[in-house]
Structure formats: structure tokens, C-alpha cells
Amino acid sequence: MRITIIPIDQLKRPKINIRHHPKKQIDEMMRSLTMFGQTRPMVLDDEYTVLVGNGMLTAMEELGWKEAECYVYEGLTEARKKKLMLADNRVYDLGLTDMDAFDAILQELAGDTDIPGWDEALLKTLTASMTEADDIISNYGVFEPQDIDALARRERSDYASPAAAPDAAYSPVATPPATPQSAAPVQDEAQQQQRFIICPKCGEKILLGGV
């Protein structure tokens, strides 16, 4: 296999690419390229159409790179080109992460969690002691003022107004709804800063209680 250095402005995109590359992935590719350089060549056909490495090409363009290491695969039929693109995008997905080996490598890195493709805050919790993990989570963030106000309004609206009870005017023995004991201090409680973490999967805030 012969690797050739080819100017990026000579490379072509395929007409159809089944792999979408969101901004987060491109950002992480850029981090990897900056940290390690190009670790595998792009695969091109003999017309310099990129069959493997379109996401990498985007990241290189974003970084302003002028050249790329490429392997030019000559003599491919159109069917073989399509099969190569499909195979490259699928075969990698069939692998599984060995979590024991993953944890062992993290421990060997001794807290150095600046790793492209991985959320650094999450990796820190995986390698931290119970006390350290609690500190990381407890200082992860606080609600913004508008979030606190919205929380207070939502909790106050949970208590029904006496005027909203449709049967009260027709019942001679109707007892006015009791005001819940916890309703009065809602504003004070809501004004306290609330600790939370952000779920890395769904993006939701998870309350940890007041500080």
C-alpha cells in the first residue's frame, strides 16, 4: 500500500455519502488531528473521490490543512466503490468496548482525561474516588435565575385556587380548600441555588438538592 500526499483542494466528495457528520463529531476529529496528526489515510478512487474519510476531510478543511495522506485505490468498479463505502461505515460499528480494559487504561492515565471523542467531565467521574466524584457532581452547575423563577411559578400553580373549585358554590357545607403548609415558603426555597448535573444522553437537568 503506497500512501500519497495530495492537496486537499484536489479531493472530491462522493455523490452520496451514507454517513452524516454532526458538528460535535467534526469538533472531536479536529481535536484528534491537532493532538495526534492524521493517523490513517483517506481512501480515494483513481479520480480522487473520497471513499473513506469524508468526515476527516471536513475536519481538515476546518483546520485549514492544505494536504492529506491518501491511498489511491485504482481500478475499482462503481459497484466495488459503493461496497467499500458501505463496508467501512458498518464494520467499525460491529465492535464492542471491553469495559474492563477501558477502566484499566483510564486508571493508568492517572487523571489525564483530555481524550478526543470522550466527555472529559464524565471520564473524571469514572476515575474518581467516591468523595471526589461527589465533589465533581456537587459543583457541576447551578440553575440560572430564570430557571429558578420558572420553578417557583410552576410549584405555586400546582395549588388550586378556591375559585377554581366548580362545586364549592353549590355545596352548603363546602369547606374552603386548606392552604398547603408548604405553599408559603416555595419562593424562598426556589430562590436558593439548586445543584444539578446534565444527563450526557438526554441533556436534562437532574436536581441534586439545595446547597
Protein backbone atom coordinates (compact mmCIF):
# COMPACT_ATOMS: atom_id res chain seq x y z
CA MET A 1 0.00 0.00 0.00
CA ARG A 2 1.50 3.33 -1.06
CA ILE A 3 0.48 6.49 0.78
CA THR A 4 0.48 9.65 -1.33
CA ILE A 5 0.37 13.27 -0.16
CA ILE A 6 -2.38 15.03 -2.12
CA PRO A 7 -3.53 18.68 -1.91
CA ILE A 8 -6.91 18.85 -0.21
CA ASP A 9 -8.36 21.14 -2.87
CA GLN A 10 -7.94 18.30 -5.39
CA LEU A 11 -10.11 15.87 -3.41
CA LYS A 12 -13.73 15.27 -4.42
CA ARG A 13 -16.80 14.32 -2.40
CA PRO A 14 -18.86 11.28 -3.44
CA LYS A 15 -22.31 11.98 -4.86
CA ILE A 16 -23.87 10.03 -1.99
CA ASN A 17 -22.39 9.57 1.49
CA ILE A 18 -24.37 7.44 3.94
CA ARG A 19 -22.54 8.77 6.99
CA HIS A 20 -23.64 12.10 8.45
CA HIS A 21 -21.06 14.00 10.49
CA PRO A 22 -22.61 16.28 13.17
CA LYS A 23 -20.69 19.29 14.45
CA LYS A 24 -19.76 17.52 17.69
CA GLN A 25 -18.04 14.73 15.77
CA ILE A 26 -16.19 17.15 13.50
CA ASP A 27 -15.05 19.13 16.55
CA GLU A 28 -13.68 15.94 18.13
CA MET A 29 -11.98 14.96 14.86
CA MET A 30 -10.33 18.37 14.83
CA ARG A 31 -9.12 17.81 18.41
CA SER A 32 -7.71 14.43 17.41
CA LEU A 33 -5.97 15.79 14.33
CA THR A 34 -4.46 18.61 16.38
CA MET A 35 -3.31 16.25 19.12
CA PHE A 36 -2.08 13.27 17.07
CA GLY A 37 -1.98 14.32 13.43
CA GLN A 38 -3.51 12.17 10.67
CA THR A 39 -3.40 8.61 11.99
CA ARG A 40 -4.91 6.84 8.97
CA PRO A 41 -5.03 7.71 5.28
CA MET A 42 -8.12 8.62 3.33
CA VAL A 43 -9.05 6.13 0.64
CA LEU A 44 -9.66 7.59 -2.83
CA ASP A 45 -10.60 6.19 -6.21
CA ASP A 46 -8.43 6.98 -9.21
CA GLU A 47 -10.39 10.21 -9.77
CA TYR A 48 -9.57 11.40 -6.22
CA THR A 49 -13.12 10.90 -4.96
CA VAL A 50 -13.03 10.21 -1.21
CA LEU A 51 -14.42 6.75 -0.49
CA VAL A 52 -13.24 6.59 3.13
CA GLY A 53 -12.57 9.67 5.26
CA ASN A 54 -15.14 12.32 4.37
CA GLY A 55 -15.55 13.39 7.99
CA MET A 56 -11.79 13.67 8.32
CA LEU A 57 -11.69 15.78 5.18
CA THR A 58 -14.23 18.21 6.69
CA ALA A 59 -12.19 18.46 9.89
CA MET A 60 -9.01 19.13 7.93
CA GLU A 61 -10.73 21.85 5.93
CA GLU A 62 -11.97 23.45 9.15
CA LEU A 63 -8.40 23.42 10.49
CA GLY A 64 -7.08 24.96 7.29
CA TRP A 65 -4.91 22.00 6.34
CA LYS A 66 -3.63 22.03 2.78
CA GLU A 67 -2.58 18.38 2.27
CA ALA A 68 -3.72 14.93 3.31
CA GLU A 69 -2.23 11.46 3.33
CA CYS A 70 -4.21 9.32 0.90
CA TYR A 71 -4.32 5.84 -0.54
CA VAL A 72 -5.46 5.84 -4.16
CA TYR A 73 -7.35 2.62 -4.90
CA GLU A 74 -7.20 2.20 -8.65
CA GLY A 75 -9.32 0.02 -10.94
CA LEU A 76 -12.43 -0.20 -8.77
CA THR A 77 -15.78 -0.72 -10.47
CA GLU A 78 -18.64 1.53 -9.40
CA ALA A 79 -20.17 -1.40 -7.52
CA ARG A 80 -16.92 -2.06 -5.63
CA LYS A 81 -16.64 1.62 -4.70
CA LYS A 82 -20.14 1.56 -3.20
CA LYS A 83 -19.43 -1.70 -1.35
CA LEU A 84 -16.20 -0.27 0.05
CA MET A 85 -18.01 2.81 1.42
CA LEU A 86 -20.79 0.68 2.95
CA ALA A 87 -18.33 -1.78 4.47
CA ASP A 88 -16.12 0.91 6.00
CA ASN A 89 -19.10 2.61 7.64
CA ARG A 90 -20.52 -0.60 9.06
CA VAL A 91 -17.62 -2.87 10.06
CA TYR A 92 -16.36 -0.46 12.75
CA ASP A 93 -19.85 -0.32 14.30
CA LEU A 94 -19.75 -4.08 14.94
CA GLY A 95 -17.02 -3.76 17.56
CA LEU A 96 -17.69 -3.68 21.31
CA THR A 97 -15.84 -1.83 24.06
CA ASP A 98 -14.15 -4.02 26.67
CA MET A 99 -15.09 -2.00 29.77
CA ASP A 100 -12.54 -3.76 31.99
CA ALA A 101 -9.74 -2.80 29.61
CA PHE A 102 -11.25 0.68 29.25
CA ASP A 103 -11.25 1.18 33.04
CA ALA A 104 -7.71 -0.18 33.34
CA ILE A 105 -6.39 2.27 30.74
CA LEU A 106 -8.18 5.18 32.45
CA GLN A 107 -6.54 4.25 35.75
CA GLU A 108 -3.13 4.10 34.05
CA LEU A 109 -3.69 7.61 32.67
CA ALA A 110 -3.90 8.79 36.29
CA GLY A 111 -6.43 11.57 35.78
CA ASP A 112 -5.26 12.75 32.35
CA THR A 113 -8.70 12.68 30.70
CA ASP A 114 -8.10 15.05 27.78
CA ILE A 115 -9.06 12.47 25.15
CA PRO A 116 -10.68 13.41 21.83
CA GLY A 117 -14.10 11.83 21.40
CA TRP A 118 -14.76 11.46 25.13
CA ASP A 119 -16.50 13.80 27.56
CA GLU A 120 -13.78 14.85 29.99
CA ALA A 121 -16.13 15.56 32.92
CA LEU A 122 -17.67 12.10 32.59
CA LEU A 123 -14.25 10.41 32.43
CA LYS A 124 -13.22 12.22 35.60
CA THR A 125 -16.19 10.76 37.50
CA LEU A 126 -15.27 7.26 36.26
CA THR A 127 -11.74 7.52 37.65
CA ALA A 128 -12.53 9.47 40.84
CA SER A 129 -13.00 8.13 44.33
CA MET A 130 -16.49 8.30 45.84
CA THR A 131 -15.62 11.54 47.66
CA GLU A 132 -14.05 13.10 44.59
CA ALA A 133 -17.00 12.07 42.42
CA ASP A 134 -19.41 13.68 44.88
CA ASP A 135 -17.40 16.92 44.76
CA ILE A 136 -17.38 16.88 40.95
CA ILE A 137 -21.13 16.32 40.76
CA SER A 138 -21.99 18.80 43.52
CA ASN A 139 -20.12 21.60 41.74
CA TYR A 140 -21.33 20.73 38.26
CA GLY A 141 -23.69 23.69 37.95
CA VAL A 142 -26.50 25.81 39.38
CA PHE A 143 -29.81 26.91 37.96
CA GLU A 144 -29.91 30.20 36.12
CA PRO A 145 -32.17 32.90 37.74
CA GLN A 146 -34.85 32.44 35.06
CA ASP A 147 -34.92 28.71 35.78
CA ILE A 148 -35.45 29.37 39.49
CA ASP A 149 -38.30 31.80 38.74
CA ALA A 150 -39.94 29.27 36.43
CA LEU A 151 -39.64 26.60 39.10
CA ALA A 152 -41.31 28.87 41.68
CA ARG A 153 -44.17 29.73 39.30
CA ARG A 154 -44.70 26.09 38.42
CA GLU A 155 -44.84 24.97 42.05
CA ARG A 156 -47.27 27.77 43.02
CA SER A 157 -49.56 26.83 40.13
CA ASP A 158 -49.80 23.28 41.48
CA TYR A 159 -52.09 24.51 44.26
CA ALA A 160 -55.72 25.03 43.15
CA SER A 161 -57.34 28.40 43.78
CA PRO A 162 -60.61 28.26 45.81
CA ALA A 163 -62.38 29.99 42.92
CA ALA A 164 -61.29 27.19 40.63
CA ALA A 165 -63.33 24.54 42.54
CA PRO A 166 -66.53 24.19 40.43
CA ASP A 167 -68.69 22.59 43.15
CA ALA A 168 -67.84 24.95 46.01
CA ALA A 169 -70.63 27.49 45.30
CA TYR A 170 -73.34 24.79 45.30
CA SER A 171 -72.40 22.93 48.48
CA PRO A 172 -73.81 24.41 51.69
CA VAL A 173 -71.25 22.56 53.73
CA ALA A 174 -68.35 23.05 51.41
CA THR A 175 -65.13 23.59 53.30
CA PRO A 176 -62.71 26.13 51.82
CA PRO A 177 -59.64 24.34 50.49
CA ALA A 178 -56.91 24.29 53.04
CA THR A 179 -53.77 26.14 52.09
CA PRO A 180 -50.94 23.63 51.96
CA GLN A 181 -48.36 24.28 54.64
CA SER A 182 -45.55 24.01 52.14
CA ALA A 183 -47.00 26.62 49.78
CA ALA A 184 -45.82 29.72 51.63
CA PRO A 185 -42.08 29.08 51.62
CA VAL A 186 -41.92 27.97 47.98
CA GLN A 187 -40.49 31.29 46.82
CA ASP A 188 -37.71 31.20 49.43
CA GLU A 189 -36.81 27.62 48.65
CA ALA A 190 -36.84 28.22 44.91
CA GLN A 191 -34.56 31.23 45.27
CA GLN A 192 -31.85 29.02 46.70
CA GLN A 193 -29.26 27.82 44.24
CA GLN A 194 -30.07 24.28 43.16
CA ARG A 195 -27.32 21.82 42.31
CA PHE A 196 -27.76 19.69 39.22
CA ILE A 197 -25.94 17.61 36.66
CA ILE A 198 -26.67 17.40 32.95
CA CYS A 199 -27.50 13.93 31.64
CA PRO A 200 -24.92 13.22 28.87
CA LYS A 201 -27.54 11.26 26.89
CA CYS A 202 -30.72 13.36 27.01
CA GLY A 203 -29.41 16.76 28.16
CA GLU A 204 -31.92 17.02 31.02
CA LYS A 205 -31.03 18.71 34.34
CA ILE A 206 -31.04 16.31 37.30
CA LEU A 207 -31.66 18.01 40.66
CA LEU A 208 -29.27 17.19 43.48
CA GLY A 209 -30.91 19.35 46.17
CA GLY A 210 -30.12 22.78 47.62
CA VAL A 211 -26.63 23.95 48.55
